[in-house]
PDB file of N, CA and C in Angstrom:
ATOM      1  N   MET A   1    -189.163  69.658  49.435  1.00  0.00           N
ATOM      2  CA  MET A   1    -189.702  68.420  49.610  1.00  0.00           C
ATOM      3  C   MET A   1    -188.588  67.691  50.492  1.00  0.00           C
ATOM      4  N   VAL A   2    -187.397  67.776  50.253  1.00  0.00           N
ATOM      5  CA  VAL A   2    -186.448  67.225  50.842  1.00  0.00           C
ATOM      6  C   VAL A   2    -186.265  67.497  52.478  1.00  0.00           C
ATOM      7  N   GLU A   3    -186.326  68.618  52.618  1.00  0.00           N
ATOM      8  CA  GLU A   3    -186.622  69.293  54.009  1.00  0.00           C
ATOM      9  C   GLU A   3    -187.691  68.527  54.688  1.00  0.00           C
ATOM     10  N   GLU A   4    -189.008  68.487  54.057  1.00  0.00           N
ATOM     11  CA  GLU A   4    -189.843  67.841  54.352  1.00  0.00           C
ATOM     12  C   GLU A   4    -189.794  66.595  54.860  1.00  0.00           C
ATOM     13  N   VAL A   5    -189.408  65.849  53.974  1.00  0.00           N
ATOM     14  CA  VAL A   5    -189.114  64.232  54.508  1.00  0.00           C
ATOM     15  C   VAL A   5    -188.134  64.176  55.569  1.00  0.00           C
ATOM     16  N   HIS A   6    -187.100  64.980  55.825  1.00  0.00           N
ATOM     17  CA  HIS A   6    -186.519  65.096  56.620  1.00  0.00           C
ATOM     18  C   HIS A   6    -186.760  65.105  57.996  1.00  0.00           C
ATOM     19  N   ILE A   7    -187.872  66.239  57.998  1.00  0.00           N
ATOM     20  CA  ILE A   7    -188.621  66.751  59.242  1.00  0.00           C
ATOM     21  C   ILE A   7    -189.556  65.365  59.842  1.00  0.00           C
ATOM     22  N   ILE A   8    -189.918  64.907  58.885  1.00  0.00           N
ATOM     23  CA  ILE A   8    -190.964  63.567  59.021  1.00  0.00           C
ATOM     24  C   ILE A   8    -190.019  62.749  59.637  1.00  0.00           C
ATOM     25  N   HIS A   9    -188.883  62.239  59.125  1.00  0.00           N
ATOM     26  CA  HIS A   9    -188.146  61.052  59.637  1.00  0.00           C
ATOM     27  C   HIS A   9    -187.671  61.421  61.027  1.00  0.00           C
ATOM     28  N   GLN A  10    -187.608  62.778  61.172  1.00  0.00           N
ATOM     29  CA  GLN A  10    -186.862  63.216  62.700  1.00  0.00           C
ATOM     30  C   GLN A  10    -188.231  62.655  63.664  1.00  0.00           C
ATOM     31  N   LYS A  11    -189.669  63.304  63.122  1.00  0.00           N
ATOM     32  CA  LYS A  11    -190.535  62.939  64.213  1.00  0.00           C
ATOM     33  C   LYS A  11    -190.675  61.580  64.735  1.00  0.00           C
ATOM     34  N   MET A  12    -190.605  60.479  63.264  1.00  0.00           N
ATOM     35  CA  MET A  12    -190.860  59.252  63.604  1.00  0.00           C
ATOM     36  C   MET A  12    -189.788  58.754  64.440  1.00  0.00           C
ATOM     37  N   ARG A  13    -188.380  59.107  64.468  1.00  0.00           N
ATOM     38  CA  ARG A  13    -187.537  58.908  65.250  1.00  0.00           C
ATOM     39  C   ARG A  13    -187.820  59.029  66.444  1.00  0.00           C
ATOM     40  N   ALA A  14    -188.243  60.422  66.685  1.00  0.00           N
ATOM     41  CA  ALA A  14    -188.419  60.663  68.112  1.00  0.00           C
ATOM     42  C   ALA A  14    -189.584  59.937  68.736  1.00  0.00           C
ATOM     43  N   ALA A  15    -190.606  59.558  67.886  1.00  0.00           N
ATOM     44  CA  ALA A  15    -191.757  58.810  68.438  1.00  0.00           C
ATOM     45  C   ALA A  15    -191.242  57.269  68.631  1.00  0.00           C
ATOM     46  N   GLN A  16    -190.531  56.952  67.975  1.00  0.00           N
ATOM     47  CA  GLN A  16    -189.926  55.645  68.373  1.00  0.00           C
ATOM     48  C   GLN A  16    -189.070  55.851  69.410  1.00  0.00           C
ATOM     49  N   ASP A  17    -188.283  56.774  69.647  1.00  0.00           N
ATOM     50  CA  ASP A  17    -187.476  56.822  71.021  1.00  0.00           C
ATOM     51  C   ASP A  17    -188.719  56.797  72.232  1.00  0.00           C
ATOM     52  N   ARG A  18    -189.695  57.577  72.152  1.00  0.00           N
ATOM     53  CA  ARG A  18    -190.287  57.480  73.127  1.00  0.00           C
ATOM     54  C   ARG A  18    -191.092  56.357  73.466  1.00  0.00           C
ATOM     55  N   GLN A  19    -191.457  55.374  72.400  1.00  0.00           N
ATOM     56  CA  GLN A  19    -191.800  54.294  72.749  1.00  0.00           C
ATOM     57  C   GLN A  19    -190.933  53.298  72.892  1.00  0.00           C
ATOM     58  N   LYS A  20    -189.865  53.307  72.739  1.00  0.00           N
ATOM     59  CA  LYS A  20    -188.999  52.144  73.659  1.00  0.00           C
ATOM     60  C   LYS A  20    -188.687  52.764  74.985  1.00  0.00           C
ATOM     61  N   SER A  21    -188.687  54.213  75.358  1.00  0.00           N
ATOM     62  CA  SER A  21    -187.967  54.267  76.585  1.00  0.00           C
ATOM     63  C   SER A  21    -189.453  53.976  77.481  1.00  0.00           C
ATOM     64  N   TYR A  22    -190.770  53.883  77.031  1.00  0.00           N
ATOM     65  CA  TYR A  22    -192.131  53.434  77.611  1.00  0.00           C
ATOM     66  C   TYR A  22    -192.114  52.047  78.081  1.00  0.00           C
ATOM     67  N   ALA A  23    -191.277  51.355  76.745  1.00  0.00           N
ATOM     68  CA  ALA A  23    -191.485  49.668  76.847  1.00  0.00           C
ATOM     69  C   ALA A  23    -190.259  49.547  78.009  1.00  0.00           C
ATOM     70  N   ASP A  24    -189.443  50.175  78.061  1.00  0.00           N
ATOM     71  CA  ASP A  24    -188.213  50.086  79.318  1.00  0.00           C
ATOM     72  C   ASP A  24    -188.960  49.845  80.897  1.00  0.00           C
ATOM     73  N   LEU A  25    -189.548  51.229  80.806  1.00  0.00           N
ATOM     74  CA  LEU A  25    -189.962  51.171  81.766  1.00  0.00           C
ATOM     75  C   LEU A  25    -191.093  50.195  82.414  1.00  0.00           C
ATOM     76  N   LYS A  26    -192.187  49.618  81.795  1.00  0.00           N
ATOM     77  CA  LYS A  26    -192.695  48.816  81.738  1.00  0.00           C
ATOM     78  C   LYS A  26    -191.921  47.254  81.948  1.00  0.00           C
ATOM     79  N   ARG A  27    -190.999  47.317  81.439  1.00  0.00           N
ATOM     80  CA  ARG A  27    -190.607  46.154  81.412  1.00  0.00           C
ATOM     81  C   ARG A  27    -189.562  45.937  82.786  1.00  0.00           C
ATOM     82  N   SER A  28    -189.104  46.999  83.561  1.00  0.00           N
ATOM     83  CA  SER A  28    -188.140  47.169  84.544  1.00  0.00           C
ATOM     84  C   SER A  28    -188.653  45.949  85.481  1.00  0.00           C
ATOM     85  N   ASP A  29    -187.361  45.328  86.181  1.00  0.00           N
ATOM     86  CA  ASP A  29    -187.701  44.474  87.508  1.00  0.00           C
ATOM     87  C   ASP A  29    -187.972  45.007  88.626  1.00  0.00           C
ATOM     88  N   ILE A  30    -189.245  44.060  89.085  1.00  0.00           N
ATOM     89  CA  ILE A  30    -189.827  44.674  90.228  1.00  0.00           C
ATOM     90  C   ILE A  30    -189.010  44.369  91.580  1.00  0.00           C
ATOM     91  N   GLU A  31    -188.781  45.217  92.300  1.00  0.00           N
ATOM     92  CA  GLU A  31    -187.698  44.870  93.713  1.00  0.00           C
ATOM     93  C   GLU A  31    -188.306  45.553  94.684  1.00  0.00           C
ATOM     94  N   PHE A  32    -188.610  44.215  95.890  1.00  0.00           N
ATOM     95  CA  PHE A  32    -189.154  44.202  97.293  1.00  0.00           C
ATOM     96  C   PHE A  32    -188.052  44.590  98.119  1.00  0.00           C
ATOM     97  N   ALA A  33    -188.405  45.329  98.972  1.00  0.00           N
ATOM     98  CA  ALA A  33    -187.646  45.491 100.307  1.00  0.00           C
ATOM     99  C   ALA A  33    -188.190  44.878 101.398  1.00  0.00           C
ATOM    100  N   VAL A  34    -187.278  44.819 102.643  1.00  0.00           N
ATOM    101  CA  VAL A  34    -187.720  43.969 103.340  1.00  0.00           C
ATOM    102  C   VAL A  34    -188.786  44.561 104.187  1.00  0.00           C
ATOM    103  N   GLY A  35    -189.728  43.839 104.392  1.00  0.00           N
ATOM    104  CA  GLY A  35    -191.277  44.525 104.966  1.00  0.00           C
ATOM    105  C   GLY A  35    -192.301  45.154 104.003  1.00  0.00           C
ATOM    106  N   ASP A  36    -191.699  44.940 102.706  1.00  0.00           N
ATOM    107  CA  ASP A  36    -192.709  45.314 102.057  1.00  0.00           C
ATOM    108  C   ASP A  36    -193.979  44.095 101.998  1.00  0.00           C
ATOM    109  N   LYS A  37    -195.134  44.810 101.917  1.00  0.00           N
ATOM    110  CA  LYS A  37    -196.365  43.906 101.723  1.00  0.00           C
ATOM    111  C   LYS A  37    -196.713  43.375 100.331  1.00  0.00           C
ATOM    112  N   VAL A  38    -196.901  41.799 100.051  1.00  0.00           N
ATOM    113  CA  VAL A  38    -197.391  41.474  98.973  1.00  0.00           C
ATOM    114  C   VAL A  38    -198.248  40.645  98.965  1.00  0.00           C
ATOM    115  N   LEU A  39    -199.274  40.849  98.120  1.00  0.00           N
ATOM    116  CA  LEU A  39    -200.391  40.228  98.292  1.00  0.00           C
ATOM    117  C   LEU A  39    -200.424  38.994  97.217  1.00  0.00           C
ATOM    118  N   LEU A  40    -200.802  37.953  97.802  1.00  0.00           N
ATOM    119  CA  LEU A  40    -201.046  36.825  96.717  1.00  0.00           C
ATOM    120  C   LEU A  40    -202.171  36.299  96.873  1.00  0.00           C
ATOM    121  N   LYS A  41    -202.622  35.681  95.911  1.00  0.00           N
ATOM    122  CA  LYS A  41    -204.280  34.967  95.981  1.00  0.00           C
ATOM    123  C   LYS A  41    -203.885  33.787  95.838  1.00  0.00           C
ATOM    124  N   LEU A  42    -203.943  32.921  97.272  1.00  0.00           N
ATOM    125  CA  LEU A  42    -203.829  31.527  97.606  1.00  0.00           C
ATOM    126  C   LEU A  42    -204.985  31.320  97.896  1.00  0.00           C
ATOM    127  N   ARG A  43    -205.344  29.830  97.636  1.00  0.00           N
ATOM    128  CA  ARG A  43    -206.835  29.205  98.042  1.00  0.00           C
ATOM    129  C   ARG A  43    -206.272  28.264  98.965  1.00  0.00           C
ATOM    130  N   LYS A  44    -206.786  27.585 100.197  1.00  0.00           N
ATOM    131  CA  LYS A  44    -206.311  26.588 101.133  1.00  0.00           C
ATOM    132  C   LYS A  44    -207.004  25.425 100.159  1.00  0.00           C
ATOM    133  N   TYR A  45    -205.929  24.494 100.276  1.00  0.00           N
ATOM    134  CA  TYR A  45    -206.160  23.012  99.695  1.00  0.00           C
ATOM    135  C   TYR A  45    -207.162  22.128 100.956  1.00  0.00           C
ATOM    136  N   VAL A  46    -208.144  21.506  99.913  1.00  0.00           N
ATOM    137  CA  VAL A  46    -209.085  20.996 100.656  1.00  0.00           C
ATOM    138  C   VAL A  46    -208.365  19.340 100.393  1.00  0.00           C
ATOM    139  N   SER A  47    -208.198  18.547 101.356  1.00  0.00           N
ATOM    140  CA  SER A  47    -207.868  17.633 101.362  1.00  0.00           C
ATOM    141  C   SER A  47    -208.641  16.358 100.963  1.00  0.00           C
ATOM    142  N   ASP A  48    -208.411  15.841  99.786  1.00  0.00           N
ATOM    143  CA  ASP A  48    -209.268  14.802  98.995  1.00  0.00           C
ATOM    144  C   ASP A  48    -208.556  13.316  99.213  1.00  0.00           C
ATOM    145  N   PRO A  49    -209.223  12.419  99.813  1.00  0.00           N
ATOM    146  CA  PRO A  49    -208.429  10.925  99.829  1.00  0.00           C
ATOM    147  C   PRO A  49    -208.199  10.376  98.286  1.00  0.00           C
ATOM    148  N   THR A  50    -208.947  10.852  97.355  1.00  0.00           N
ATOM    149  CA  THR A  50    -209.252  10.366  96.104  1.00  0.00           C
ATOM    150  C   THR A  50    -207.965  10.849  95.018  1.00  0.00           C
ATOM    151  N   HIS A  51    -207.674  12.119  95.949  1.00  0.00           N
ATOM    152  CA  HIS A  51    -206.361  12.991  94.738  1.00  0.00           C
ATOM    153  C   HIS A  51    -205.272  12.344  95.458  1.00  0.00           C
ATOM    154  N   MET A  52    -204.478  11.467  94.376  1.00  0.00           N
ATOM    155  CA  MET A  52    -203.313  11.193  94.474  1.00  0.00           C
ATOM    156  C   MET A  52    -202.512  10.914  93.445  1.00  0.00           C
ATOM    157  N   LEU A  53    -201.498  11.233  93.488  1.00  0.00           N
ATOM    158  CA  LEU A  53    -200.427  11.523  92.392  1.00  0.00           C
ATOM    159  C   LEU A  53    -199.630  10.131  92.346  1.00  0.00           C
ATOM    160  N   LYS A  54    -199.866   9.567  90.971  1.00  0.00           N
ATOM    161  CA  LYS A  54    -199.229   8.392  90.525  1.00  0.00           C
ATOM    162  C   LYS A  54    -198.060   8.782  89.984  1.00  0.00           C
ATOM    163  N   PRO A  55    -196.590   8.038  90.657  1.00  0.00           N
ATOM    164  CA  PRO A  55    -195.099   8.562  89.872  1.00  0.00           C
ATOM    165  C   PRO A  55    -195.213   7.623  88.542  1.00  0.00           C
ATOM    166  N   GLU A  56    -194.218   8.232  87.881  1.00  0.00           N
ATOM    167  CA  GLU A  56    -194.092   7.462  86.480  1.00  0.00           C
ATOM    168  C   GLU A  56    -192.969   6.957  86.797  1.00  0.00           C
ATOM    169  N   HIS A  57    -192.936   5.633  86.006  1.00  0.00           N
ATOM    170  CA  HIS A  57    -191.917   4.756  86.000  1.00  0.00           C
ATOM    171  C   HIS A  57    -191.286   5.105  84.951  1.00  0.00           C
ATOM    172  N   ILE A  58    -189.735   5.559  85.070  1.00  0.00           N
ATOM    173  CA  ILE A  58    -188.770   5.962  84.506  1.00  0.00           C
ATOM    174  C   ILE A  58    -187.730   4.861  84.393  1.00  0.00           C
ATOM    175  N   GLU A  59    -187.227   3.855  83.728  1.00  0.00           N
ATOM    176  CA  GLU A  59    -186.236   2.875  83.272  1.00  0.00           C
ATOM    177  C   GLU A  59    -184.746   4.078  83.422  1.00  0.00           C
ATOM    178  N   ILE A  60    -183.761   3.759  84.521  1.00  0.00           N
ATOM    179  CA  ILE A  60    -182.693   4.723  84.655  1.00  0.00           C
ATOM    180  C   ILE A  60    -181.265   3.765  84.516  1.00  0.00           C
ATOM    181  N   ASP A  61    -180.497   3.938  83.308  1.00  0.00           N
ATOM    182  CA  ASP A  61    -179.230   3.116  83.456  1.00  0.00           C
ATOM    183  C   ASP A  61    -178.170   3.472  84.361  1.00  0.00           C
ATOM    184  N   GLU A  62    -177.386   2.876  84.328  1.00  0.00           N
ATOM    185  CA  GLU A  62    -176.102   2.728  85.420  1.00  0.00           C
ATOM    186  C   GLU A  62    -175.170   4.460  85.591  1.00  0.00           C
ATOM    187  N   GLN A  63    -175.855   4.989  84.079  1.00  0.00           N
ATOM    188  CA  GLN A  63    -175.043   6.360  84.179  1.00  0.00           C
ATOM    189  C   GLN A  63    -176.220   7.414  84.721  1.00  0.00           C
ATOM    190  N   LEU A  64    -177.441   6.861  85.118  1.00  0.00           N
ATOM    191  CA  LEU A  64    -178.353   7.705  85.835  1.00  0.00           C
ATOM    192  C   LEU A  64    -178.728   8.784  84.620  1.00  0.00           C
ATOM    193  N   SER A  65    -179.272   8.222  83.341  1.00  0.00           N
ATOM    194  CA  SER A  65    -179.832   8.827  82.056  1.00  0.00           C
ATOM    195  C   SER A  65    -180.832   7.907  81.899  1.00  0.00           C
ATOM    196  N   TYR A  66    -181.742   8.250  81.025  1.00  0.00           N
ATOM    197  CA  TYR A  66    -182.793   7.226  79.967  1.00  0.00           C
ATOM    198  C   TYR A  66    -183.164   7.898  78.706  1.00  0.00           C
ATOM    199  N   VAL A  67    -183.326   7.014  77.820  1.00  0.00           N
ATOM    200  CA  VAL A  67    -183.337   7.330  76.657  1.00  0.00           C
ATOM    201  C   VAL A  67    -184.940   7.585  76.184  1.00  0.00           C
ATOM    202  N   GLU A  68    -185.228   8.774  75.570  1.00  0.00           N
ATOM    203  CA  GLU A  68    -186.221   9.350  75.219  1.00  0.00           C
ATOM    204  C   GLU A  68    -186.798   8.910  73.696  1.00  0.00           C
ATOM    205  N   GLU A  69    -187.645   7.995  73.719  1.00  0.00           N
ATOM    206  CA  GLU A  69    -187.963   7.469  72.195  1.00  0.00           C
ATOM    207  C   GLU A  69    -189.359   7.816  71.657  1.00  0.00           C
ATOM    208  N   PRO A  70    -189.438   8.382  70.535  1.00  0.00           N
ATOM    209  CA  PRO A  70    -190.793   8.822  70.078  1.00  0.00           C
ATOM    210  C   PRO A  70    -191.877   7.677  70.102  1.00  0.00           C
ATOM    211  N   LYS A  71    -193.335   8.299  70.722  1.00  0.00           N
ATOM    212  CA  LYS A  71    -194.187   7.509  70.977  1.00  0.00           C
ATOM    213  C   LYS A  71    -195.377   7.542  69.858  1.00  0.00           C
ATOM    214  N   GLU A  72    -195.658   9.025  69.485  1.00  0.00           N
ATOM    215  CA  GLU A  72    -196.980   9.072  68.415  1.00  0.00           C
ATOM    216  C   GLU A  72    -196.340  10.462  67.921  1.00  0.00           C
ATOM    217  N   ILE A  73    -196.845  10.356  66.169  1.00  0.00           N
ATOM    218  CA  ILE A  73    -197.036  11.959  65.883  1.00  0.00           C
ATOM    219  C   ILE A  73    -197.983  12.353  65.648  1.00  0.00           C
ATOM    220  N   PHE A  74    -198.162  13.570  66.262  1.00  0.00           N
ATOM    221  CA  PHE A  74    -199.713  14.116  66.254  1.00  0.00           C
ATOM    222  C   PHE A  74    -199.977  14.967  65.255  1.00  0.00           C
ATOM    223  N   ASP A  75    -198.954  15.773  64.579  1.00  0.00           N
ATOM    224  CA  ASP A  75    -199.078  16.696  63.498  1.00  0.00           C
ATOM    225  C   ASP A  75    -198.049  16.867  62.740  1.00  0.00           C
ATOM    226  N   ARG A  76    -198.087  17.168  61.382  1.00  0.00           N
ATOM    227  CA  ARG A  76    -197.297  17.335  60.414  1.00  0.00           C
ATOM    228  C   ARG A  76    -197.625  18.863  59.608  1.00  0.00           C
ATOM    229  N   LYS A  77    -196.457  19.441  59.335  1.00  0.00           N
ATOM    230  CA  LYS A  77    -196.648  21.004  58.521  1.00  0.00           C
ATOM    231  C   LYS A  77    -195.406  21.005  57.751  1.00  0.00           C
ATOM    232  N   VAL A  78    -195.792  21.800  56.836  1.00  0.00           N
ATOM    233  CA  VAL A  78    -194.623  21.904  55.792  1.00  0.00           C
ATOM    234  C   VAL A  78    -194.332  23.523  56.002  1.00  0.00           C
ATOM    235  N   ARG A  79    -193.015  23.718  56.556  1.00  0.00           N
ATOM    236  CA  ARG A  79    -192.854  25.249  56.435  1.00  0.00           C
ATOM    237  C   ARG A  79    -191.867  25.961  55.172  1.00  0.00           C
ATOM    238  N   LYS A  80    -192.535  26.853  54.212  1.00  0.00           N
ATOM    239  CA  LYS A  80    -192.198  27.066  53.286  1.00  0.00           C
ATOM    240  C   LYS A  80    -191.252  28.477  53.277  1.00  0.00           C
ATOM    241  N   THR A  81    -189.773  28.449  52.994  1.00  0.00           N
ATOM    242  CA  THR A  81    -188.783  29.579  53.094  1.00  0.00           C
ATOM    243  C   THR A  81    -188.303  29.769  51.809  1.00  0.00           C
ATOM    244  N   ARG A  82    -187.587  30.653  51.848  1.00  0.00           N
ATOM    245  CA  ARG A  82    -187.271  31.255  50.377  1.00  0.00           C
ATOM    246  C   ARG A  82    -186.357  30.047  49.570  1.00  0.00           C
ATOM    247  N   ASN A  83    -185.468  29.442  50.270  1.00  0.00           N
ATOM    248  CA  ASN A  83    -184.993  28.341  49.683  1.00  0.00           C
ATOM    249  C   ASN A  83    -185.447  26.977  49.416  1.00  0.00           C
ATOM    250  N   GLY A  84    -186.374  27.055  50.127  1.00  0.00           N
ATOM    251  CA  GLY A  84    -187.322  25.816  49.944  1.00  0.00           C
ATOM    252  C   GLY A  84    -188.167  25.532  51.248  1.00  0.00           C
ATOM    253  N   GLU A  85    -188.214  24.066  51.007  1.00  0.00           N
ATOM    254  CA  GLU A  85    -189.474  23.643  52.382  1.00  0.00           C
ATOM    255  C   GLU A  85    -189.129  22.851  53.351  1.00  0.00           C
ATOM    256  N   THR A  86    -189.414  23.089  54.692  1.00  0.00           N
ATOM    257  CA  THR A  86    -189.030  22.171  55.356  1.00  0.00           C
ATOM    258  C   THR A  86    -190.076  21.046  56.346  1.00  0.00           C
ATOM    259  N   ALA A  87    -189.985  20.440  56.444  1.00  0.00           N
ATOM    260  CA  ALA A  87    -191.169  19.350  56.894  1.00  0.00           C
ATOM    261  C   ALA A  87    -190.800  19.500  58.383  1.00  0.00           C
ATOM    262  N   LEU A  88    -191.879  19.528  59.246  1.00  0.00           N
ATOM    263  CA  LEU A  88    -192.080  19.794  60.985  1.00  0.00           C
ATOM    264  C   LEU A  88    -193.133  18.753  61.003  1.00  0.00           C
ATOM    265  N   VAL A  89    -192.642  17.745  62.291  1.00  0.00           N
ATOM    266  CA  VAL A  89    -193.249  16.881  63.084  1.00  0.00           C
ATOM    267  C   VAL A  89    -193.738  17.085  64.416  1.00  0.00           C
ATOM    268  N   LYS A  90    -194.858  17.055  65.084  1.00  0.00           N
ATOM    269  CA  LYS A  90    -195.203  17.301  66.050  1.00  0.00           C
ATOM    270  C   LYS A  90    -195.195  15.840  66.656  1.00  0.00           C
ATOM    271  N   VAL A  91    -194.409  15.265  67.899  1.00  0.00           N
ATOM    272  CA  VAL A  91    -194.043  14.371  68.344  1.00  0.00           C
ATOM    273  C   VAL A  91    -194.141  14.410  69.702  1.00  0.00           C
ATOM    274  N   LEU A  92    -194.927  13.188  70.327  1.00  0.00           N
ATOM    275  CA  LEU A  92    -195.399  12.770  71.726  1.00  0.00           C
ATOM    276  C   LEU A  92    -193.976  11.948  72.177  1.00  0.00           C
ATOM    277  N   TRP A  93    -192.992  12.204  72.952  1.00  0.00           N
ATOM    278  CA  TRP A  93    -192.019  11.624  73.350  1.00  0.00           C
ATOM    279  C   TRP A  93    -192.388  10.352  74.411  1.00  0.00           C
ATOM    280  N   SER A  94    -191.983   9.305  74.706  1.00  0.00           N
ATOM    281  CA  SER A  94    -191.898   8.741  75.793  1.00  0.00           C
ATOM    282  C   SER A  94    -191.417   9.152  76.947  1.00  0.00           C
ATOM    283  N   ASN A  95    -192.369   8.915  78.366  1.00  0.00           N
ATOM    284  CA  ASN A  95    -192.138   9.754  79.664  1.00  0.00           C
ATOM    285  C   ASN A  95    -192.533  11.147  79.414  1.00  0.00           C
ATOM    286  N   ASN A  96    -193.358  11.535  78.620  1.00  0.00           N
ATOM    287  CA  ASN A  96    -194.187  12.692  78.576  1.00  0.00           C
ATOM    288  C   ASN A  96    -195.330  12.920  78.695  1.00  0.00           C
ATOM    289  N   LYS A  97    -196.044  13.997  78.800  1.00  0.00           N
ATOM    290  CA  LYS A  97    -197.657  14.289  78.821  1.00  0.00           C
ATOM    291  C   LYS A  97    -197.738  14.974  77.206  1.00  0.00           C
ATOM    292  N   VAL A  98    -198.845  14.572  76.852  1.00  0.00           N
ATOM    293  CA  VAL A  98    -199.765  14.899  75.854  1.00  0.00           C
ATOM    294  C   VAL A  98    -199.180  16.451  75.526  1.00  0.00           C
ATOM    295  N   ASN A  99    -199.573  17.245  76.467  1.00  0.00           N
ATOM    296  CA  ASN A  99    -199.040  19.065  76.253  1.00  0.00           C
ATOM    297  C   ASN A  99    -197.708  19.308  76.440  1.00  0.00           C
ATOM    298  N   GLU A 100    -196.642  18.432  76.445  1.00  0.00           N
ATOM    299  CA  GLU A 100    -195.282  18.376  76.573  1.00  0.00           C
ATOM    300  C   GLU A 100    -194.849  18.012  74.922  1.00  0.00           C
ATOM    301  N   ALA A 101    -195.546  17.630  73.955  1.00  0.00           N
ATOM    302  CA  ALA A 101    -195.373  17.197  73.037  1.00  0.00           C
ATOM    303  C   ALA A 101    -194.332  18.424  72.055  1.00  0.00           C
ATOM    304  N   THR A 102    -193.329  18.243  71.337  1.00  0.00           N
ATOM    305  CA  THR A 102    -192.433  18.939  70.557  1.00  0.00           C
ATOM    306  C   THR A 102    -192.780  18.882  69.206  1.00  0.00           C
ATOM    307  N   TRP A 103    -192.257  20.393  68.606  1.00  0.00           N
ATOM    308  CA  TRP A 103    -191.918  20.310  66.898  1.00  0.00           C
ATOM    309  C   TRP A 103    -190.877  19.648  66.819  1.00  0.00           C
TER     310      TRP A 103
END
């Protein structure tokens, strides 16, 4: 019985090693040489006079910094751990957009 368990452990270890090596191959950095052709899917920008970006006004002090202040609370959660509970709050900060709210 002990020998069978030892064989099973060896097979599992070999399968994990194969899995790791495959993942490392997939994760390898892509390198390009001079002259390689790279295909990018770009679309031509069609100008539209109504499409204007409005600059945000941020007040900067003498030290070239600004203060982020909480603007709105979006969500609340309580995360339970072994030692207790932690309250989490999702906050929208001043000078940020809705999709940039942080926990």
